[in-house]
Amino acid sequence: MASPYEETAGWLGSIQGAAFTVAHGMTIELVAGVDGKRIVVLALAAATDTAGPSQLTFKSGDSALTGEMYVASGGPLLLPWCPAGWFHTARGQALNVTNSAAMGTADGVLRYVLVPTDG
């Protein structure tokens, strides 16, 4: 049985999720790249520990998709459900996140879909 999101997403196909923890000064891969597809982020939530704020930048491989998103110590970063997507990777590229803060660790979850692309 399809979830309510899958039923309303239409062309988006199978919606997937990923959880992450990224320490200060680190870059991690959130979702591996898939040949011929883009990773489209539909929703995201993140929070930091109390050690300090985080500054998150989401990337397609090494290319920034967002500016630095400041997350206050203990505070949330919320990108609510958006069927058009908040941002997407280049075809075949992994979705990465960098925490450029001097201290603090961010934990988060995201919902995404793999969208086929031409060429």
N, C-alpha and C. Protein backbone atom coordinates (compact mmCIF):
# COMPACT_ATOMS: atom_id res chain seq x y z
N MET A 1 0.85 -1.19 0.00
CA MET A 1 0.00 0.00 0.00
C MET A 1 0.88 1.25 0.00
N ALA A 2 0.58 2.16 -0.88
CA ALA A 2 1.36 3.39 -1.00
C ALA A 2 1.06 4.33 0.16
N SER A 3 2.09 5.08 0.56
CA SER A 3 1.90 6.08 1.61
C SER A 3 1.12 7.26 1.03
N PRO A 4 0.53 8.11 1.90
CA PRO A 4 -0.17 9.30 1.38
C PRO A 4 0.74 10.18 0.54
N TYR A 5 2.04 10.27 0.90
CA TYR A 5 2.97 11.08 0.12
C TYR A 5 3.16 10.50 -1.28
N GLU A 6 3.31 9.18 -1.37
CA GLU A 6 3.50 8.55 -2.67
C GLU A 6 2.27 8.73 -3.54
N GLU A 7 1.08 8.69 -2.94
CA GLU A 7 -0.15 8.86 -3.71
C GLU A 7 -0.28 10.27 -4.24
N THR A 8 0.18 11.27 -3.47
CA THR A 8 0.05 12.66 -3.91
C THR A 8 1.24 13.11 -4.75
N ALA A 9 2.34 12.35 -4.71
CA ALA A 9 3.54 12.77 -5.43
C ALA A 9 3.42 12.54 -6.93
N GLY A 10 2.54 11.61 -7.35
CA GLY A 10 2.35 11.38 -8.77
C GLY A 10 3.61 10.93 -9.46
N TRP A 11 4.15 11.77 -10.35
CA TRP A 11 5.29 11.43 -11.17
C TRP A 11 6.56 11.19 -10.36
N LEU A 12 6.57 11.61 -9.11
CA LEU A 12 7.80 11.51 -8.32
C LEU A 12 8.22 10.08 -8.04
N GLY A 13 7.28 9.15 -8.05
CA GLY A 13 7.66 7.75 -7.83
C GLY A 13 7.86 7.42 -6.37
N SER A 14 8.77 6.53 -6.11
CA SER A 14 8.97 5.99 -4.77
C SER A 14 9.78 6.95 -3.90
N ILE A 15 9.16 7.42 -2.85
CA ILE A 15 9.81 8.35 -1.93
C ILE A 15 10.64 7.56 -0.93
N GLN A 16 11.87 8.01 -0.73
CA GLN A 16 12.80 7.33 0.16
C GLN A 16 13.25 8.28 1.26
N GLY A 17 13.88 7.73 2.27
CA GLY A 17 14.34 8.54 3.38
C GLY A 17 15.76 8.20 3.77
N ALA A 18 16.40 9.12 4.46
CA ALA A 18 17.75 8.91 4.97
C ALA A 18 17.90 9.71 6.26
N ALA A 19 18.67 9.17 7.18
CA ALA A 19 19.00 9.87 8.42
C ALA A 19 20.49 10.17 8.39
N PHE A 20 20.90 11.23 9.10
CA PHE A 20 22.32 11.57 9.10
C PHE A 20 22.76 12.20 10.40
N THR A 21 24.06 12.06 10.66
CA THR A 21 24.76 12.76 11.73
C THR A 21 26.05 13.28 11.12
N VAL A 22 26.27 14.57 11.22
CA VAL A 22 27.49 15.16 10.66
C VAL A 22 28.15 16.05 11.72
N ALA A 23 29.38 15.70 12.07
CA ALA A 23 30.13 16.44 13.07
C ALA A 23 30.71 17.72 12.46
N HIS A 24 31.12 18.63 13.33
CA HIS A 24 31.70 19.90 12.86
C HIS A 24 32.95 19.62 12.03
N GLY A 25 33.11 20.41 10.96
CA GLY A 25 34.26 20.28 10.09
C GLY A 25 34.25 19.06 9.17
N MET A 26 33.12 18.38 9.07
CA MET A 26 33.05 17.15 8.28
C MET A 26 32.10 17.29 7.09
N THR A 27 32.35 16.48 6.05
CA THR A 27 31.44 16.32 4.92
C THR A 27 31.11 14.84 4.84
N ILE A 28 29.83 14.51 4.70
CA ILE A 28 29.42 13.11 4.57
C ILE A 28 28.49 12.94 3.37
N GLU A 29 28.43 11.73 2.87
CA GLU A 29 27.50 11.40 1.80
C GLU A 29 26.17 10.99 2.42
N LEU A 30 25.10 11.68 2.03
CA LEU A 30 23.77 11.35 2.53
C LEU A 30 23.11 10.28 1.68
N VAL A 31 23.20 10.44 0.36
CA VAL A 31 22.59 9.51 -0.59
C VAL A 31 23.57 9.31 -1.73
N ALA A 32 23.85 8.06 -2.05
CA ALA A 32 24.78 7.77 -3.16
C ALA A 32 24.16 8.18 -4.49
N GLY A 33 24.98 8.64 -5.39
CA GLY A 33 24.51 8.98 -6.73
C GLY A 33 24.08 7.73 -7.49
N VAL A 34 23.12 7.90 -8.39
CA VAL A 34 22.61 6.81 -9.22
C VAL A 34 22.71 7.24 -10.68
N ASP A 35 23.34 6.43 -11.50
CA ASP A 35 23.50 6.77 -12.92
C ASP A 35 22.15 7.14 -13.55
N GLY A 36 22.13 8.27 -14.26
CA GLY A 36 20.95 8.69 -14.99
C GLY A 36 19.84 9.29 -14.15
N LYS A 37 20.10 9.53 -12.85
CA LYS A 37 19.04 10.08 -11.98
C LYS A 37 19.57 11.23 -11.14
N ARG A 38 18.64 12.13 -10.81
CA ARG A 38 18.90 13.22 -9.87
C ARG A 38 18.28 12.83 -8.53
N ILE A 39 18.85 13.32 -7.45
CA ILE A 39 18.27 13.17 -6.12
C ILE A 39 17.56 14.48 -5.82
N VAL A 40 16.24 14.41 -5.65
CA VAL A 40 15.44 15.61 -5.36
C VAL A 40 15.01 15.55 -3.90
N VAL A 41 15.40 16.56 -3.12
CA VAL A 41 15.06 16.62 -1.70
C VAL A 41 13.68 17.26 -1.54
N LEU A 42 12.76 16.49 -0.94
CA LEU A 42 11.37 16.91 -0.78
C LEU A 42 11.08 17.49 0.60
N ALA A 43 11.80 17.05 1.62
CA ALA A 43 11.60 17.53 2.99
C ALA A 43 12.86 17.23 3.78
N LEU A 44 13.12 18.05 4.81
CA LEU A 44 14.31 17.88 5.61
C LEU A 44 14.09 18.47 6.99
N ALA A 45 14.63 17.81 7.99
CA ALA A 45 14.64 18.34 9.35
C ALA A 45 16.00 18.04 9.95
N ALA A 46 16.59 19.01 10.65
CA ALA A 46 17.87 18.81 11.31
C ALA A 46 17.89 19.62 12.60
N ALA A 47 18.69 19.16 13.55
CA ALA A 47 18.87 19.86 14.82
C ALA A 47 20.32 19.65 15.25
N THR A 48 20.80 20.53 16.12
CA THR A 48 22.17 20.41 16.60
C THR A 48 22.17 19.99 18.06
N ASP A 49 23.33 19.51 18.50
CA ASP A 49 23.48 19.22 19.92
C ASP A 49 23.70 20.54 20.66
N THR A 50 23.87 20.49 21.94
CA THR A 50 24.01 21.73 22.71
C THR A 50 25.45 22.24 22.76
N ALA A 51 26.39 21.52 22.11
CA ALA A 51 27.79 21.96 22.10
C ALA A 51 27.97 23.23 21.29
N GLY A 52 27.09 23.49 20.37
CA GLY A 52 27.22 24.70 19.57
C GLY A 52 26.40 24.61 18.31
N PRO A 53 26.34 25.71 17.56
CA PRO A 53 25.55 25.74 16.33
C PRO A 53 26.22 24.95 15.21
N SER A 54 25.46 24.68 14.18
CA SER A 54 25.98 24.04 12.97
C SER A 54 25.71 24.95 11.79
N GLN A 55 26.53 24.81 10.76
CA GLN A 55 26.34 25.53 9.50
C GLN A 55 26.38 24.47 8.40
N LEU A 56 25.21 24.11 7.90
CA LEU A 56 25.08 23.02 6.95
C LEU A 56 24.99 23.54 5.52
N THR A 57 25.74 22.90 4.63
CA THR A 57 25.67 23.19 3.20
C THR A 57 25.43 21.86 2.49
N PHE A 58 24.38 21.79 1.70
CA PHE A 58 24.05 20.58 0.95
C PHE A 58 24.68 20.70 -0.43
N LYS A 59 25.23 19.57 -0.92
CA LYS A 59 26.04 19.61 -2.14
C LYS A 59 25.68 18.48 -3.09
N SER A 60 25.88 18.74 -4.38
CA SER A 60 25.83 17.74 -5.43
C SER A 60 27.28 17.41 -5.72
N GLY A 61 27.77 16.27 -5.21
CA GLY A 61 29.20 16.01 -5.27
C GLY A 61 29.90 17.07 -4.45
N ASP A 62 30.75 17.89 -5.09
CA ASP A 62 31.45 18.98 -4.39
C ASP A 62 30.82 20.35 -4.64
N SER A 63 29.79 20.43 -5.48
CA SER A 63 29.17 21.71 -5.83
C SER A 63 28.02 22.04 -4.88
N ALA A 64 28.05 23.23 -4.30
CA ALA A 64 27.02 23.65 -3.35
C ALA A 64 25.66 23.78 -4.03
N LEU A 65 24.64 23.21 -3.39
CA LEU A 65 23.26 23.37 -3.83
C LEU A 65 22.55 24.43 -3.02
N THR A 66 23.03 24.65 -1.80
CA THR A 66 22.46 25.65 -0.90
C THR A 66 23.58 26.51 -0.37
N GLY A 67 23.22 27.63 0.19
CA GLY A 67 24.19 28.39 0.96
C GLY A 67 24.32 27.73 2.32
N GLU A 68 25.14 28.33 3.20
CA GLU A 68 25.24 27.79 4.55
C GLU A 68 23.93 28.02 5.28
N MET A 69 23.38 26.96 5.81
CA MET A 69 22.14 27.04 6.59
C MET A 69 22.52 26.97 8.06
N TYR A 70 22.33 28.08 8.76
CA TYR A 70 22.71 28.18 10.17
C TYR A 70 21.65 27.49 11.03
N VAL A 71 22.10 26.59 11.89
CA VAL A 71 21.20 25.92 12.83
C VAL A 71 21.69 26.26 14.23
N ALA A 72 20.90 27.04 14.98
CA ALA A 72 21.29 27.47 16.32
C ALA A 72 21.45 26.27 17.24
N SER A 73 22.27 26.42 18.25
CA SER A 73 22.51 25.36 19.22
C SER A 73 21.19 24.85 19.78
N GLY A 74 20.92 23.56 19.60
CA GLY A 74 19.68 22.95 20.08
C GLY A 74 18.47 23.26 19.22
N GLY A 75 18.65 24.07 18.19
CA GLY A 75 17.51 24.51 17.39
C GLY A 75 17.30 23.67 16.14
N PRO A 76 16.14 23.82 15.51
CA PRO A 76 15.85 23.03 14.32
C PRO A 76 16.09 23.80 13.02
N LEU A 77 16.29 23.03 11.98
CA LEU A 77 16.23 23.49 10.60
C LEU A 77 15.14 22.67 9.95
N LEU A 78 14.11 23.31 9.44
CA LEU A 78 12.98 22.59 8.86
C LEU A 78 12.71 23.05 7.44
N LEU A 79 12.69 22.10 6.52
CA LEU A 79 12.23 22.33 5.15
C LEU A 79 11.01 21.42 4.99
N PRO A 80 9.81 21.97 5.12
CA PRO A 80 8.61 21.12 5.08
C PRO A 80 8.38 20.50 3.70
N TRP A 81 7.47 19.57 3.65
CA TRP A 81 7.13 18.83 2.43
C TRP A 81 6.92 19.80 1.27
N CYS A 82 7.64 19.55 0.17
CA CYS A 82 7.51 20.36 -1.04
C CYS A 82 7.58 19.42 -2.24
N PRO A 83 6.44 19.09 -2.87
CA PRO A 83 6.45 18.12 -3.95
C PRO A 83 7.31 18.54 -5.15
N ALA A 84 7.57 19.83 -5.31
CA ALA A 84 8.44 20.30 -6.40
C ALA A 84 9.91 20.11 -6.05
N GLY A 85 10.20 19.89 -4.78
CA GLY A 85 11.57 19.71 -4.32
C GLY A 85 12.22 21.02 -3.90
N TRP A 86 13.03 20.95 -2.88
CA TRP A 86 13.77 22.13 -2.40
C TRP A 86 15.03 22.35 -3.22
N PHE A 87 15.73 21.27 -3.54
CA PHE A 87 16.93 21.32 -4.36
C PHE A 87 17.20 19.92 -4.89
N HIS A 88 18.07 19.83 -5.91
CA HIS A 88 18.37 18.52 -6.49
C HIS A 88 19.82 18.46 -6.92
N THR A 89 20.33 17.25 -7.01
CA THR A 89 21.71 17.04 -7.45
C THR A 89 21.78 17.05 -8.97
N ALA A 90 22.98 17.11 -9.46
CA ALA A 90 23.22 16.89 -10.89
C ALA A 90 23.03 15.41 -11.18
N ARG A 91 22.79 15.07 -12.42
CA ARG A 91 22.56 13.68 -12.82
C ARG A 91 23.73 12.80 -12.38
N GLY A 92 23.42 11.74 -11.65
CA GLY A 92 24.41 10.77 -11.24
C GLY A 92 25.26 11.17 -10.04
N GLN A 93 25.08 12.37 -9.51
CA GLN A 93 25.89 12.86 -8.39
C GLN A 93 25.29 12.47 -7.04
N ALA A 94 26.17 12.24 -6.06
CA ALA A 94 25.75 11.96 -4.69
C ALA A 94 25.25 13.25 -4.03
N LEU A 95 24.39 13.08 -3.03
CA LEU A 95 23.95 14.20 -2.19
C LEU A 95 24.81 14.18 -0.93
N ASN A 96 25.55 15.25 -0.72
CA ASN A 96 26.46 15.37 0.43
C ASN A 96 26.04 16.54 1.30
N VAL A 97 26.51 16.53 2.55
CA VAL A 97 26.29 17.67 3.45
C VAL A 97 27.61 17.95 4.17
N THR A 98 27.89 19.25 4.31
CA THR A 98 29.07 19.71 5.04
C THR A 98 28.60 20.52 6.24
N ASN A 99 29.21 20.26 7.40
CA ASN A 99 28.99 21.07 8.60
C ASN A 99 30.26 21.88 8.81
N SER A 100 30.23 23.15 8.44
CA SER A 100 31.44 23.99 8.49
C SER A 100 31.61 24.71 9.82
N ALA A 101 30.77 24.40 10.81
CA ALA A 101 30.88 25.05 12.11
C ALA A 101 32.15 24.61 12.83
N ALA A 102 32.63 25.45 13.76
CA ALA A 102 33.82 25.13 14.55
C ALA A 102 33.50 24.14 15.67
N MET A 103 32.23 24.01 16.02
CA MET A 103 31.82 23.04 17.03
C MET A 103 30.37 22.66 16.75
N GLY A 104 29.91 21.62 17.38
CA GLY A 104 28.51 21.20 17.21
C GLY A 104 28.36 20.09 16.19
N THR A 105 27.41 19.22 16.45
CA THR A 105 27.08 18.10 15.59
C THR A 105 25.61 18.23 15.20
N ALA A 106 25.30 17.99 13.94
CA ALA A 106 23.92 18.06 13.47
C ALA A 106 23.41 16.65 13.17
N ASP A 107 22.18 16.40 13.58
CA ASP A 107 21.46 15.17 13.25
C ASP A 107 20.25 15.55 12.43
N GLY A 108 19.89 14.71 11.47
CA GLY A 108 18.74 15.06 10.65
C GLY A 108 18.17 13.88 9.90
N VAL A 109 17.06 14.15 9.26
CA VAL A 109 16.39 13.20 8.39
C VAL A 109 15.93 13.95 7.15
N LEU A 110 15.83 13.22 6.04
CA LEU A 110 15.31 13.84 4.83
C LEU A 110 14.50 12.82 4.05
N ARG A 111 13.61 13.35 3.22
CA ARG A 111 12.82 12.54 2.30
C ARG A 111 13.21 13.00 0.91
N TYR A 112 13.43 12.03 0.04
CA TYR A 112 13.89 12.35 -1.31
C TYR A 112 13.33 11.35 -2.30
N VAL A 113 13.50 11.69 -3.56
CA VAL A 113 13.09 10.80 -4.64
C VAL A 113 14.17 10.83 -5.72
N LEU A 114 14.35 9.71 -6.41
CA LEU A 114 15.27 9.63 -7.53
C LEU A 114 14.48 9.89 -8.80
N VAL A 115 14.87 10.90 -9.56
CA VAL A 115 14.15 11.30 -10.76
C VAL A 115 15.02 11.03 -11.99
N PRO A 116 14.53 10.23 -12.94
CA PRO A 116 15.31 9.98 -14.16
C PRO A 116 15.52 11.27 -14.95
N THR A 117 16.69 11.38 -15.60
CA THR A 117 16.98 12.54 -16.43
C THR A 117 17.44 12.04 -17.79
N ASP A 118 17.28 12.87 -18.79
CA ASP A 118 17.73 12.54 -20.14
C ASP A 118 19.21 12.84 -20.28
N GLY A 119 19.85 12.14 -21.18
CA GLY A 119 21.22 12.42 -21.57
C GLY A 119 22.19 12.14 -20.54
